[in-house]
Amino acid sequence: MSAFVATLRTQVDLAQRALAQARDVNEVHRHSARLLDLLERAAAHGVDTAGWVPADVVSAASVAAGNGT
């Protein structure tokens, strides 16, 4: 695993934990957007993130960030 992928994975894990601990709407929105940004960055670099974040968390983050319904 490259240093880039390892750092990205760590940041995804931290964002996911922060999202789980978010207390208000602004925090949820911020951490959701961060998580989605990291996953998009991984995809842009060809990094397979399958299994990093459960699909239901990604879906909820998308809704919270205003990207889904």
N, C-alpha and C. Protein backbone atom coordinates (compact mmCIF):
# COMPACT_ATOMS: atom_id res chain seq x y z
N MET A 1 0.85 -1.17 0.00
CA MET A 1 0.00 0.00 0.00
C MET A 1 0.90 1.24 0.00
N SER A 2 0.63 2.14 -0.93
CA SER A 2 1.44 3.35 -1.00
C SER A 2 1.14 4.28 0.18
N ALA A 3 2.03 5.22 0.39
CA ALA A 3 1.83 6.20 1.46
C ALA A 3 0.56 7.02 1.20
N PHE A 4 0.30 7.33 -0.06
CA PHE A 4 -0.90 8.08 -0.43
C PHE A 4 -2.15 7.32 -0.02
N VAL A 5 -2.22 6.05 -0.38
CA VAL A 5 -3.39 5.23 -0.07
C VAL A 5 -3.52 5.04 1.44
N ALA A 6 -2.42 4.83 2.12
CA ALA A 6 -2.47 4.66 3.58
C ALA A 6 -2.98 5.92 4.26
N THR A 7 -2.51 7.07 3.81
CA THR A 7 -2.97 8.34 4.39
C THR A 7 -4.43 8.58 4.06
N LEU A 8 -4.80 8.29 2.84
CA LEU A 8 -6.20 8.45 2.43
C LEU A 8 -7.10 7.55 3.27
N ARG A 9 -6.68 6.32 3.46
CA ARG A 9 -7.48 5.38 4.26
C ARG A 9 -7.63 5.89 5.70
N THR A 10 -6.56 6.39 6.27
CA THR A 10 -6.61 6.95 7.62
C THR A 10 -7.57 8.12 7.69
N GLN A 11 -7.51 9.00 6.71
CA GLN A 11 -8.40 10.16 6.69
C GLN A 11 -9.86 9.75 6.51
N VAL A 12 -10.12 8.74 5.70
CA VAL A 12 -11.49 8.22 5.54
C VAL A 12 -11.98 7.66 6.87
N ASP A 13 -11.15 6.90 7.54
CA ASP A 13 -11.52 6.35 8.85
C ASP A 13 -11.83 7.46 9.86
N LEU A 14 -10.99 8.49 9.89
CA LEU A 14 -11.20 9.60 10.81
C LEU A 14 -12.49 10.36 10.48
N ALA A 15 -12.74 10.58 9.21
CA ALA A 15 -13.97 11.28 8.81
C ALA A 15 -15.20 10.46 9.16
N GLN A 16 -15.10 9.16 8.98
CA GLN A 16 -16.22 8.28 9.31
C GLN A 16 -16.51 8.30 10.81
N ARG A 17 -15.46 8.27 11.62
CA ARG A 17 -15.64 8.34 13.07
C ARG A 17 -16.22 9.69 13.49
N ALA A 18 -15.72 10.77 12.90
CA ALA A 18 -16.22 12.10 13.22
C ALA A 18 -17.69 12.22 12.85
N LEU A 19 -18.07 11.65 11.72
CA LEU A 19 -19.47 11.67 11.30
C LEU A 19 -20.34 10.92 12.30
N ALA A 20 -19.87 9.78 12.76
CA ALA A 20 -20.63 8.98 13.73
C ALA A 20 -20.81 9.72 15.06
N GLN A 21 -19.86 10.61 15.40
CA GLN A 21 -19.92 11.33 16.67
C GLN A 21 -20.51 12.73 16.54
N ALA A 22 -20.86 13.13 15.32
CA ALA A 22 -21.39 14.48 15.10
C ALA A 22 -22.65 14.71 15.92
N ARG A 23 -22.74 15.89 16.51
CA ARG A 23 -23.85 16.19 17.42
C ARG A 23 -24.94 17.07 16.80
N ASP A 24 -24.59 17.89 15.81
CA ASP A 24 -25.61 18.76 15.25
C ASP A 24 -25.56 18.74 13.72
N VAL A 25 -26.53 19.37 13.11
CA VAL A 25 -26.68 19.34 11.66
C VAL A 25 -25.44 19.89 10.95
N ASN A 26 -24.86 20.96 11.45
CA ASN A 26 -23.68 21.53 10.81
C ASN A 26 -22.49 20.56 10.85
N GLU A 27 -22.31 19.88 11.96
CA GLU A 27 -21.23 18.90 12.06
C GLU A 27 -21.48 17.73 11.13
N VAL A 28 -22.71 17.25 11.08
CA VAL A 28 -23.05 16.13 10.21
C VAL A 28 -22.77 16.51 8.75
N HIS A 29 -23.20 17.70 8.37
CA HIS A 29 -22.99 18.16 6.99
C HIS A 29 -21.49 18.24 6.68
N ARG A 30 -20.73 18.85 7.56
CA ARG A 30 -19.29 19.02 7.35
C ARG A 30 -18.56 17.68 7.23
N HIS A 31 -18.83 16.77 8.15
CA HIS A 31 -18.14 15.49 8.13
C HIS A 31 -18.62 14.61 6.96
N SER A 32 -19.88 14.73 6.60
CA SER A 32 -20.39 14.01 5.44
C SER A 32 -19.69 14.48 4.17
N ALA A 33 -19.61 15.79 4.03
CA ALA A 33 -18.95 16.36 2.84
C ALA A 33 -17.48 15.94 2.79
N ARG A 34 -16.82 15.93 3.93
CA ARG A 34 -15.40 15.53 3.99
C ARG A 34 -15.24 14.07 3.58
N LEU A 35 -16.09 13.21 4.12
CA LEU A 35 -16.02 11.79 3.79
C LEU A 35 -16.23 11.58 2.29
N LEU A 36 -17.24 12.22 1.73
CA LEU A 36 -17.52 12.07 0.30
C LEU A 36 -16.37 12.63 -0.54
N ASP A 37 -15.80 13.74 -0.12
CA ASP A 37 -14.66 14.32 -0.84
C ASP A 37 -13.48 13.35 -0.87
N LEU A 38 -13.20 12.73 0.26
CA LEU A 38 -12.10 11.77 0.32
C LEU A 38 -12.36 10.57 -0.59
N LEU A 39 -13.59 10.08 -0.60
CA LEU A 39 -13.92 8.94 -1.45
C LEU A 39 -13.84 9.32 -2.93
N GLU A 40 -14.25 10.53 -3.26
CA GLU A 40 -14.14 11.00 -4.64
C GLU A 40 -12.67 11.16 -5.05
N ARG A 41 -11.87 11.67 -4.14
CA ARG A 41 -10.43 11.82 -4.42
C ARG A 41 -9.80 10.44 -4.66
N ALA A 42 -10.19 9.46 -3.85
CA ALA A 42 -9.68 8.10 -4.04
C ALA A 42 -10.07 7.57 -5.42
N ALA A 43 -11.32 7.75 -5.78
CA ALA A 43 -11.79 7.27 -7.09
C ALA A 43 -11.03 7.95 -8.23
N ALA A 44 -10.77 9.24 -8.08
CA ALA A 44 -10.06 10.00 -9.11
C ALA A 44 -8.63 9.47 -9.31
N HIS A 45 -8.09 8.84 -8.28
CA HIS A 45 -6.73 8.30 -8.35
C HIS A 45 -6.74 6.79 -8.55
N GLY A 46 -7.91 6.23 -8.84
CA GLY A 46 -7.99 4.80 -9.12
C GLY A 46 -7.87 3.92 -7.90
N VAL A 47 -8.13 4.45 -6.72
CA VAL A 47 -8.04 3.67 -5.49
C VAL A 47 -9.37 2.97 -5.24
N ASP A 48 -9.33 1.67 -5.06
CA ASP A 48 -10.53 0.89 -4.77
C ASP A 48 -10.84 1.00 -3.28
N THR A 49 -11.94 1.66 -2.96
CA THR A 49 -12.32 1.87 -1.57
C THR A 49 -13.41 0.90 -1.10
N ALA A 50 -13.68 -0.11 -1.91
CA ALA A 50 -14.69 -1.10 -1.54
C ALA A 50 -14.37 -1.67 -0.17
N GLY A 51 -15.33 -1.62 0.71
CA GLY A 51 -15.16 -2.15 2.05
C GLY A 51 -14.63 -1.15 3.06
N TRP A 52 -14.24 0.03 2.62
CA TRP A 52 -13.74 1.04 3.55
C TRP A 52 -14.87 1.66 4.35
N VAL A 53 -16.00 1.93 3.70
CA VAL A 53 -17.14 2.58 4.34
C VAL A 53 -18.39 1.81 3.93
N PRO A 54 -19.23 1.42 4.89
CA PRO A 54 -20.46 0.72 4.52
C PRO A 54 -21.33 1.57 3.58
N ALA A 55 -22.01 0.90 2.67
CA ALA A 55 -22.85 1.59 1.68
C ALA A 55 -23.91 2.47 2.33
N ASP A 56 -24.48 2.02 3.44
CA ASP A 56 -25.51 2.83 4.10
C ASP A 56 -24.93 4.12 4.67
N VAL A 57 -23.68 4.10 5.10
CA VAL A 57 -23.03 5.31 5.61
C VAL A 57 -22.76 6.28 4.47
N VAL A 58 -22.30 5.76 3.34
CA VAL A 58 -22.06 6.61 2.17
C VAL A 58 -23.38 7.24 1.71
N SER A 59 -24.43 6.45 1.68
CA SER A 59 -25.74 6.96 1.27
C SER A 59 -26.24 8.04 2.22
N ALA A 60 -26.13 7.81 3.51
CA ALA A 60 -26.56 8.81 4.50
C ALA A 60 -25.71 10.06 4.42
N ALA A 61 -24.41 9.90 4.19
CA ALA A 61 -23.52 11.05 4.05
C ALA A 61 -23.90 11.86 2.83
N SER A 62 -24.26 11.18 1.76
CA SER A 62 -24.66 11.87 0.54
C SER A 62 -25.91 12.71 0.77
N VAL A 63 -26.87 12.15 1.46
CA VAL A 63 -28.09 12.89 1.79
C VAL A 63 -27.77 14.08 2.70
N ALA A 64 -26.97 13.84 3.72
CA ALA A 64 -26.63 14.90 4.67
C ALA A 64 -25.85 16.03 4.01
N ALA A 65 -25.04 15.69 3.02
CA ALA A 65 -24.25 16.70 2.32
C ALA A 65 -25.05 17.41 1.24
N GLY A 66 -26.28 16.95 1.04
CA GLY A 66 -27.14 17.57 0.03
C GLY A 66 -26.98 17.01 -1.35
N ASN A 67 -26.40 15.82 -1.46
CA ASN A 67 -26.16 15.21 -2.77
C ASN A 67 -27.17 14.13 -3.13
N GLY A 68 -28.09 13.82 -2.24
CA GLY A 68 -29.04 12.74 -2.51
C GLY A 68 -30.36 13.03 -1.86
N THR A 69 -31.26 12.09 -2.03
CA THR A 69 -32.59 12.24 -1.43
C THR A 69 -32.85 11.18 -0.40
